[in-house]
Amino acid sequence: MENFDKFYRYFERPPFAPVYYPTPEEFLDPIAYVAKIRPEAEEYGVVKIIPPENFKPPFAINNETFEFTPRIQKLNEVEAL
């Protein structure tokens, strides 16, 4: 518990990431929208983009050919604080 207290004593909350709310017209081409906000967004390193409510992307995975290989994680080898 001592290490835990020592760590959090000096913890500073990171600043909030900017949030963008594109219009439906701006989000017709999401890649172009990201390119448009990129100069401003790069200053922060991370941003949050909330798509318009009417944005409904098509399901992009082919169920016939998609295979998922799960990772096996040995919990006894995971370190904790």
N, C-alpha and C. Protein backbone atom coordinates (compact mmCIF):
# COMPACT_ATOMS: atom_id res chain seq x y z
N MET A 1 0.82 -1.19 0.00
CA MET A 1 0.00 0.00 0.00
C MET A 1 0.87 1.26 0.00
N GLU A 2 2.07 1.13 0.53
CA GLU A 2 2.96 2.29 0.60
C GLU A 2 3.34 2.78 -0.80
N ASN A 3 3.66 1.87 -1.71
CA ASN A 3 4.00 2.26 -3.09
C ASN A 3 2.81 2.93 -3.77
N PHE A 4 1.62 2.43 -3.49
CA PHE A 4 0.40 2.99 -4.07
C PHE A 4 0.23 4.44 -3.63
N ASP A 5 0.37 4.71 -2.34
CA ASP A 5 0.23 6.08 -1.82
C ASP A 5 1.33 6.99 -2.36
N LYS A 6 2.53 6.46 -2.46
CA LYS A 6 3.65 7.25 -2.96
C LYS A 6 3.41 7.66 -4.42
N PHE A 7 2.89 6.74 -5.21
CA PHE A 7 2.62 7.03 -6.62
C PHE A 7 1.56 8.11 -6.76
N TYR A 8 0.46 7.98 -6.06
CA TYR A 8 -0.66 8.91 -6.24
C TYR A 8 -0.46 10.25 -5.55
N ARG A 9 0.49 10.36 -4.68
CA ARG A 9 0.76 11.64 -4.04
C ARG A 9 1.23 12.65 -5.08
N TYR A 10 1.93 12.19 -6.10
CA TYR A 10 2.49 13.09 -7.12
C TYR A 10 1.71 13.04 -8.43
N PHE A 11 0.60 12.38 -8.42
CA PHE A 11 -0.20 12.23 -9.64
C PHE A 11 -0.90 13.54 -9.98
N GLU A 12 -0.78 13.97 -11.22
CA GLU A 12 -1.52 15.13 -11.71
C GLU A 12 -2.48 14.64 -12.78
N ARG A 13 -3.74 15.04 -12.66
CA ARG A 13 -4.73 14.63 -13.65
C ARG A 13 -4.36 15.24 -15.00
N PRO A 14 -4.32 14.43 -16.05
CA PRO A 14 -4.01 14.97 -17.38
C PRO A 14 -5.14 15.87 -17.86
N PRO A 15 -4.83 16.81 -18.74
CA PRO A 15 -5.90 17.68 -19.25
C PRO A 15 -6.89 16.88 -20.09
N PHE A 16 -8.11 17.38 -20.15
CA PHE A 16 -9.13 16.72 -20.95
C PHE A 16 -8.80 16.85 -22.42
N ALA A 17 -9.17 15.84 -23.18
CA ALA A 17 -8.97 15.86 -24.63
C ALA A 17 -10.06 16.71 -25.26
N PRO A 18 -9.73 17.47 -26.32
CA PRO A 18 -10.77 18.23 -27.01
C PRO A 18 -11.80 17.29 -27.63
N VAL A 19 -13.04 17.74 -27.67
CA VAL A 19 -14.13 16.95 -28.23
C VAL A 19 -14.66 17.68 -29.46
N TYR A 20 -14.81 16.95 -30.56
CA TYR A 20 -15.31 17.51 -31.81
C TYR A 20 -16.67 16.91 -32.12
N TYR A 21 -17.57 17.76 -32.60
CA TYR A 21 -18.93 17.35 -32.98
C TYR A 21 -19.15 17.73 -34.45
N PRO A 22 -18.73 16.91 -35.39
CA PRO A 22 -18.90 17.26 -36.80
C PRO A 22 -20.38 17.23 -37.21
N THR A 23 -20.70 18.06 -38.19
CA THR A 23 -22.05 18.06 -38.75
C THR A 23 -22.19 16.85 -39.68
N PRO A 24 -23.41 16.47 -40.01
CA PRO A 24 -23.58 15.36 -40.96
C PRO A 24 -22.86 15.60 -42.29
N GLU A 25 -22.86 16.86 -42.76
CA GLU A 25 -22.18 17.17 -44.02
C GLU A 25 -20.67 17.00 -43.89
N GLU A 26 -20.11 17.46 -42.77
CA GLU A 26 -18.66 17.32 -42.56
C GLU A 26 -18.26 15.85 -42.44
N PHE A 27 -19.16 15.02 -41.92
CA PHE A 27 -18.82 13.63 -41.65
C PHE A 27 -19.18 12.69 -42.78
N LEU A 28 -19.60 13.23 -43.92
CA LEU A 28 -19.84 12.37 -45.08
C LEU A 28 -18.57 11.63 -45.48
N ASP A 29 -17.44 12.30 -45.30
CA ASP A 29 -16.13 11.68 -45.54
C ASP A 29 -15.33 11.79 -44.24
N PRO A 30 -15.42 10.79 -43.35
CA PRO A 30 -14.75 10.88 -42.05
C PRO A 30 -13.24 11.09 -42.15
N ILE A 31 -12.61 10.49 -43.15
CA ILE A 31 -11.15 10.64 -43.30
C ILE A 31 -10.81 12.09 -43.64
N ALA A 32 -11.61 12.71 -44.49
CA ALA A 32 -11.39 14.12 -44.83
C ALA A 32 -11.61 15.00 -43.60
N TYR A 33 -12.57 14.64 -42.77
CA TYR A 33 -12.82 15.42 -41.55
C TYR A 33 -11.63 15.34 -40.60
N VAL A 34 -11.10 14.15 -40.43
CA VAL A 34 -9.92 13.98 -39.57
C VAL A 34 -8.75 14.79 -40.13
N ALA A 35 -8.57 14.77 -41.44
CA ALA A 35 -7.50 15.56 -42.06
C ALA A 35 -7.72 17.05 -41.81
N LYS A 36 -8.97 17.48 -41.81
CA LYS A 36 -9.30 18.89 -41.60
C LYS A 36 -8.94 19.34 -40.18
N ILE A 37 -9.23 18.51 -39.17
CA ILE A 37 -8.97 18.91 -37.79
C ILE A 37 -7.55 18.54 -37.33
N ARG A 38 -6.83 17.83 -38.16
CA ARG A 38 -5.51 17.32 -37.78
C ARG A 38 -4.55 18.39 -37.25
N PRO A 39 -4.40 19.55 -37.91
CA PRO A 39 -3.44 20.53 -37.39
C PRO A 39 -3.73 20.94 -35.94
N GLU A 40 -4.99 21.14 -35.62
CA GLU A 40 -5.35 21.50 -34.25
C GLU A 40 -5.24 20.30 -33.31
N ALA A 41 -5.69 19.14 -33.78
CA ALA A 41 -5.71 17.94 -32.94
C ALA A 41 -4.31 17.46 -32.59
N GLU A 42 -3.35 17.64 -33.47
CA GLU A 42 -1.99 17.17 -33.21
C GLU A 42 -1.37 17.84 -31.99
N GLU A 43 -1.83 19.03 -31.66
CA GLU A 43 -1.29 19.73 -30.50
C GLU A 43 -1.62 18.99 -29.20
N TYR A 44 -2.69 18.20 -29.21
CA TYR A 44 -3.14 17.53 -27.99
C TYR A 44 -2.72 16.07 -27.92
N GLY A 45 -2.46 15.44 -29.06
CA GLY A 45 -2.07 14.04 -29.06
C GLY A 45 -3.24 13.08 -29.07
N VAL A 46 -4.38 13.52 -28.57
CA VAL A 46 -5.58 12.69 -28.56
C VAL A 46 -6.80 13.61 -28.59
N VAL A 47 -7.81 13.21 -29.33
CA VAL A 47 -9.07 13.95 -29.38
C VAL A 47 -10.22 12.94 -29.38
N LYS A 48 -11.40 13.44 -29.12
CA LYS A 48 -12.60 12.60 -29.16
C LYS A 48 -13.52 13.18 -30.23
N ILE A 49 -13.94 12.34 -31.16
CA ILE A 49 -14.84 12.77 -32.22
C ILE A 49 -16.18 12.07 -32.00
N ILE A 50 -17.22 12.86 -31.77
CA ILE A 50 -18.57 12.33 -31.60
C ILE A 50 -19.27 12.42 -32.95
N PRO A 51 -19.54 11.29 -33.60
CA PRO A 51 -20.18 11.35 -34.92
C PRO A 51 -21.62 11.85 -34.81
N PRO A 52 -22.15 12.39 -35.90
CA PRO A 52 -23.55 12.83 -35.88
C PRO A 52 -24.47 11.64 -35.58
N GLU A 53 -25.64 11.94 -35.03
CA GLU A 53 -26.57 10.86 -34.66
C GLU A 53 -26.99 10.01 -35.85
N ASN A 54 -27.03 10.60 -37.03
CA ASN A 54 -27.49 9.84 -38.20
C ASN A 54 -26.39 8.99 -38.82
N PHE A 55 -25.17 9.01 -38.27
CA PHE A 55 -24.06 8.24 -38.81
C PHE A 55 -24.24 6.77 -38.47
N LYS A 56 -24.47 5.95 -39.46
CA LYS A 56 -24.66 4.51 -39.29
C LYS A 56 -23.76 3.78 -40.29
N PRO A 57 -22.51 3.53 -39.91
CA PRO A 57 -21.61 2.85 -40.85
C PRO A 57 -22.06 1.41 -41.11
N PRO A 58 -21.79 0.90 -42.29
CA PRO A 58 -22.17 -0.49 -42.58
C PRO A 58 -21.26 -1.44 -41.79
N PHE A 59 -21.77 -2.62 -41.52
CA PHE A 59 -20.98 -3.65 -40.85
C PHE A 59 -19.88 -4.07 -41.81
N ALA A 60 -18.62 -3.98 -41.39
CA ALA A 60 -17.50 -4.14 -42.31
C ALA A 60 -16.81 -5.50 -42.25
N ILE A 61 -17.33 -6.44 -41.51
CA ILE A 61 -16.68 -7.75 -41.40
C ILE A 61 -17.50 -8.78 -42.16
N ASN A 62 -16.81 -9.57 -42.96
CA ASN A 62 -17.46 -10.65 -43.69
C ASN A 62 -17.55 -11.86 -42.75
N ASN A 63 -18.76 -12.17 -42.31
CA ASN A 63 -18.95 -13.28 -41.37
C ASN A 63 -18.53 -14.63 -41.94
N GLU A 64 -18.51 -14.75 -43.25
CA GLU A 64 -18.16 -16.03 -43.88
C GLU A 64 -16.67 -16.32 -43.81
N THR A 65 -15.83 -15.28 -43.86
CA THR A 65 -14.39 -15.50 -43.92
C THR A 65 -13.63 -15.02 -42.68
N PHE A 66 -14.27 -14.28 -41.81
CA PHE A 66 -13.58 -13.72 -40.65
C PHE A 66 -13.29 -14.80 -39.61
N GLU A 67 -12.05 -14.82 -39.14
CA GLU A 67 -11.66 -15.73 -38.07
C GLU A 67 -11.02 -14.92 -36.96
N PHE A 68 -11.40 -15.21 -35.76
CA PHE A 68 -10.87 -14.51 -34.60
C PHE A 68 -10.02 -15.48 -33.80
N THR A 69 -8.76 -15.11 -33.57
CA THR A 69 -7.87 -15.93 -32.77
C THR A 69 -7.68 -15.27 -31.42
N PRO A 70 -8.23 -15.85 -30.36
CA PRO A 70 -8.11 -15.22 -29.05
C PRO A 70 -6.69 -15.35 -28.51
N ARG A 71 -6.29 -14.34 -27.75
CA ARG A 71 -5.01 -14.39 -27.05
C ARG A 71 -5.21 -15.10 -25.72
N ILE A 72 -4.25 -15.88 -25.33
CA ILE A 72 -4.31 -16.53 -24.03
C ILE A 72 -3.42 -15.73 -23.10
N GLN A 73 -4.03 -15.20 -22.05
CA GLN A 73 -3.28 -14.40 -21.09
C GLN A 73 -3.23 -15.15 -19.76
N LYS A 74 -2.03 -15.41 -19.30
CA LYS A 74 -1.86 -16.12 -18.04
C LYS A 74 -1.92 -15.10 -16.90
N LEU A 75 -3.02 -15.10 -16.18
CA LEU A 75 -3.22 -14.09 -15.14
C LEU A 75 -2.21 -14.20 -14.01
N ASN A 76 -1.67 -15.37 -13.78
CA ASN A 76 -0.68 -15.49 -12.71
C ASN A 76 0.64 -14.82 -13.10
N GLU A 77 0.80 -14.41 -14.35
CA GLU A 77 2.02 -13.74 -14.79
C GLU A 77 1.84 -12.23 -14.92
N VAL A 78 0.64 -11.74 -14.64
CA VAL A 78 0.35 -10.32 -14.74
C VAL A 78 0.75 -9.64 -13.44
N GLU A 79 1.48 -8.53 -13.54
CA GLU A 79 1.90 -7.81 -12.35
C GLU A 79 0.81 -6.83 -11.92
N ALA A 80 0.72 -6.60 -10.64
CA ALA A 80 -0.22 -5.63 -10.09
C ALA A 80 0.57 -4.62 -9.27
N LEU A 81 -0.08 -3.51 -8.95
CA LEU A 81 0.59 -2.50 -8.11
C LEU A 81 0.87 -3.03 -6.74
